[in-house]
Amino acid sequence: MKNNETLKNRLAELSKQNTLLADHLASMCCQADEDTPSEYRTEHFRSTMDDAYEYLEKINYFKRGKWKNIKWEQKKLYTLFMKQK
């Protein structure tokens, strides 16, 4: 029984860590998206941003189609809202 509890606690801890990492990744992507005009982005920067957005969409952190064209303040509020879920 104790081993089962340990596994449950570890799973809960990993889940919290994963959520925190997703929060940081989303925040960093939003900052980079806002702060770096597209004409100054390298191909590597663009492809890495695309990969990050695809990952966040894959884990259902947000829906990408709805995410584009939203101001930074709204993205930040959305990110805070998702943390509470």
Protein backbone atom coordinates (compact mmCIF):
# COMPACT_ATOMS: atom_id res chain seq x y z
CA MET A 1 0.00 0.00 0.00
CA LYS A 2 2.81 2.39 0.86
CA ASN A 3 4.39 1.85 -2.55
CA ASN A 4 1.07 2.75 -4.20
CA GLU A 5 0.88 5.99 -2.19
CA THR A 6 4.44 6.87 -3.18
CA LEU A 7 3.57 6.38 -6.85
CA LYS A 8 0.44 8.52 -6.51
CA ASN A 9 2.42 11.30 -4.82
CA ARG A 10 5.12 11.14 -7.49
CA LEU A 11 2.51 11.28 -10.25
CA ALA A 12 0.88 14.32 -8.63
CA GLU A 13 4.28 16.01 -8.34
CA LEU A 14 5.12 15.31 -11.98
CA SER A 15 1.73 16.63 -13.05
CA LYS A 16 2.36 19.90 -11.21
CA GLN A 17 5.81 20.17 -12.76
CA ASN A 18 4.42 19.55 -16.23
CA THR A 19 1.80 22.26 -15.74
CA LEU A 20 4.43 24.69 -14.52
CA LEU A 21 6.66 23.94 -17.52
CA ALA A 22 3.73 24.44 -19.90
CA ASP A 23 2.91 27.75 -18.19
CA HIS A 24 6.49 28.94 -18.63
CA LEU A 25 6.66 27.77 -22.23
CA ALA A 26 3.40 29.52 -23.10
CA SER A 27 4.54 32.70 -21.39
CA MET A 28 7.90 32.64 -23.15
CA CYS A 29 6.24 32.05 -26.53
CA CYS A 30 3.83 34.91 -25.97
CA GLN A 31 6.65 37.24 -24.95
CA ALA A 32 8.75 36.26 -27.96
CA ASP A 33 5.75 36.56 -30.27
CA GLU A 34 5.03 40.06 -29.01
CA ASP A 35 8.62 41.28 -28.78
CA THR A 36 10.10 39.96 -32.02
CA PRO A 37 8.69 41.23 -35.31
CA SER A 38 8.35 38.45 -37.88
CA GLU A 39 10.83 40.07 -40.28
CA TYR A 40 13.58 39.72 -37.64
CA ARG A 41 12.97 36.07 -36.85
CA THR A 42 15.37 33.44 -38.12
CA GLU A 43 14.11 30.21 -39.63
CA HIS A 44 15.29 28.36 -36.52
CA PHE A 45 13.41 30.80 -34.27
CA ARG A 46 10.21 30.41 -36.31
CA SER A 47 10.38 26.62 -36.42
CA THR A 48 11.09 26.40 -32.69
CA MET A 49 8.17 28.71 -31.92
CA ASP A 50 5.93 26.59 -34.16
CA ASP A 51 7.07 23.43 -32.37
CA ALA A 52 6.35 25.01 -28.99
CA TYR A 53 2.88 26.18 -30.05
CA GLU A 54 2.12 22.75 -31.54
CA TYR A 55 3.18 21.06 -28.31
CA LEU A 56 1.02 23.37 -26.21
CA GLU A 57 -1.91 22.69 -28.50
CA LYS A 58 -1.25 18.93 -28.41
CA ILE A 59 -1.40 18.85 -24.61
CA ASN A 60 -4.60 20.95 -24.76
CA TYR A 61 -3.01 23.94 -23.08
CA PHE A 62 -4.75 26.17 -25.61
CA LYS A 63 -6.26 26.13 -29.07
CA ARG A 64 -3.84 27.78 -31.50
CA GLY A 65 -6.45 29.18 -33.88
CA LYS A 66 -8.01 31.12 -31.04
CA TRP A 67 -4.61 32.18 -29.69
CA LYS A 68 -3.42 34.15 -32.70
CA ASN A 69 -4.30 37.82 -32.97
CA ILE A 70 -4.95 38.13 -29.25
CA LYS A 71 -3.20 40.93 -27.39
CA TRP A 72 -0.54 40.08 -24.81
CA GLU A 73 -2.72 41.12 -21.88
CA GLN A 74 -5.43 38.72 -23.00
CA LYS A 75 -2.89 35.92 -23.48
CA LYS A 76 -1.55 36.52 -19.99
CA LEU A 77 -5.06 36.39 -18.50
CA TYR A 78 -5.80 33.23 -20.47
CA THR A 79 -2.59 31.64 -19.18
CA LEU A 80 -3.49 32.55 -15.60
CA PHE A 81 -6.97 31.10 -16.14
CA MET A 82 -5.51 27.84 -17.47
CA LYS A 83 -3.30 27.52 -14.38
CA GLN A 84 -6.42 27.36 -12.23
CA LYS A 85 -7.94 24.46 -14.17
